[in-house]
Amino acid sequence: MLDMIIHELKTWFTNKNSNRYYYHRIVLVCVSLMALTPLINAFFFIYYLLVFIAPFMAVYYTVICYRETRVVKAKELIHLK
């Protein structure tokens, strides 16, 4: 979660239509629904969804980080020319 906050504050890879942008919005919706669960019991379904969605979200986040690391490394190599 700290990583997501830092990326948002520094605007690293968080421009619209980027994978990280959409990932952050999905997580924001999930966290918001979990926070509302004590007030509105109908949002309890989010916990059932997260049981199945969480592994895919973890893999998706790993792919996002891998791609971003490749971009950063490519930028570093440009300076060596």
Protein backbone atom coordinates (compact mmCIF):
# COMPACT_ATOMS: atom_id res chain seq x y z
CA MET A 1 0.00 0.00 0.00
CA LEU A 2 2.89 2.36 0.73
CA ASP A 3 4.23 1.68 -2.76
CA MET A 4 0.92 2.74 -4.26
CA ILE A 5 0.85 5.96 -2.26
CA ILE A 6 4.40 6.86 -3.29
CA HIS A 7 3.65 6.18 -6.96
CA GLU A 8 0.55 8.38 -6.78
CA LEU A 9 2.34 11.25 -5.02
CA LYS A 10 5.34 11.18 -7.35
CA THR A 11 3.12 10.44 -10.39
CA TRP A 12 5.35 7.56 -11.47
CA PHE A 13 3.60 5.43 -14.12
CA THR A 14 0.19 6.67 -12.95
CA ASN A 15 -0.98 8.60 -15.99
CA LYS A 16 -4.45 7.82 -17.32
CA ASN A 17 -4.80 4.63 -19.37
CA SER A 18 -1.80 3.04 -17.68
CA ASN A 19 -2.00 -0.36 -16.01
CA ARG A 20 -1.02 1.07 -12.63
CA TYR A 21 -3.74 3.73 -12.86
CA TYR A 22 -6.42 1.08 -13.31
CA TYR A 23 -4.92 -1.14 -10.61
CA HIS A 24 -4.99 1.73 -8.12
CA ARG A 25 -8.63 2.46 -8.92
CA ILE A 26 -9.63 -1.19 -8.46
CA VAL A 27 -7.87 -1.32 -5.10
CA LEU A 28 -9.48 1.98 -4.06
CA VAL A 29 -12.95 0.60 -4.81
CA CYS A 30 -12.22 -2.62 -2.89
CA VAL A 31 -10.86 -0.78 0.16
CA SER A 32 -13.80 1.65 0.11
CA LEU A 33 -16.32 -1.19 0.03
CA MET A 34 -14.49 -2.96 2.87
CA ALA A 35 -14.58 0.25 4.93
CA LEU A 36 -18.33 0.60 4.33
CA THR A 37 -19.10 -2.99 5.32
CA PRO A 38 -19.73 -2.21 9.01
CA LEU A 39 -22.24 0.48 7.97
CA ILE A 40 -23.94 -1.35 5.10
CA ASN A 41 -24.03 -5.13 5.42
CA ALA A 42 -24.77 -5.52 1.71
CA PHE A 43 -21.11 -4.75 0.96
CA PHE A 44 -20.03 -7.91 2.78
CA PHE A 45 -19.88 -9.65 -0.62
CA ILE A 46 -16.56 -7.88 -1.32
CA TYR A 47 -14.80 -10.29 1.05
CA TYR A 48 -16.07 -13.26 -0.95
CA LEU A 49 -14.90 -11.65 -4.18
CA LEU A 50 -11.48 -10.86 -2.76
CA VAL A 51 -10.89 -14.50 -1.88
CA PHE A 52 -10.98 -15.33 -5.58
CA ILE A 53 -9.69 -12.07 -7.06
CA ALA A 54 -6.68 -11.50 -4.78
CA PRO A 55 -4.36 -14.07 -6.41
CA PHE A 56 -5.02 -12.61 -9.85
CA MET A 57 -4.48 -9.08 -8.55
CA ALA A 58 -1.15 -10.16 -7.06
CA VAL A 59 0.01 -11.61 -10.38
CA TYR A 60 -1.23 -8.51 -12.23
CA TYR A 61 0.68 -6.24 -9.84
CA THR A 62 3.83 -8.31 -10.31
CA VAL A 63 3.53 -7.93 -14.09
CA ILE A 64 3.04 -4.17 -13.71
CA CYS A 65 6.16 -3.87 -11.54
CA TYR A 66 8.20 -6.03 -13.93
CA ARG A 67 7.25 -3.89 -16.92
CA GLU A 68 8.02 -0.67 -15.05
CA THR A 69 11.40 -2.00 -13.97
CA ARG A 70 12.23 -2.81 -17.61
CA VAL A 71 11.30 0.75 -18.63
CA VAL A 72 13.48 2.27 -15.91
CA LYS A 73 16.43 0.04 -16.81
CA ALA A 74 16.05 0.93 -20.50
CA LYS A 75 16.19 4.63 -19.61
CA GLU A 76 19.36 4.03 -17.61
CA LEU A 77 20.99 2.30 -20.57
CA ILE A 78 20.23 5.24 -22.87
CA HIS A 79 22.66 7.39 -20.85
CA LEU A 80 25.48 4.93 -21.51
CA LYS A 81 25.48 5.58 -25.27
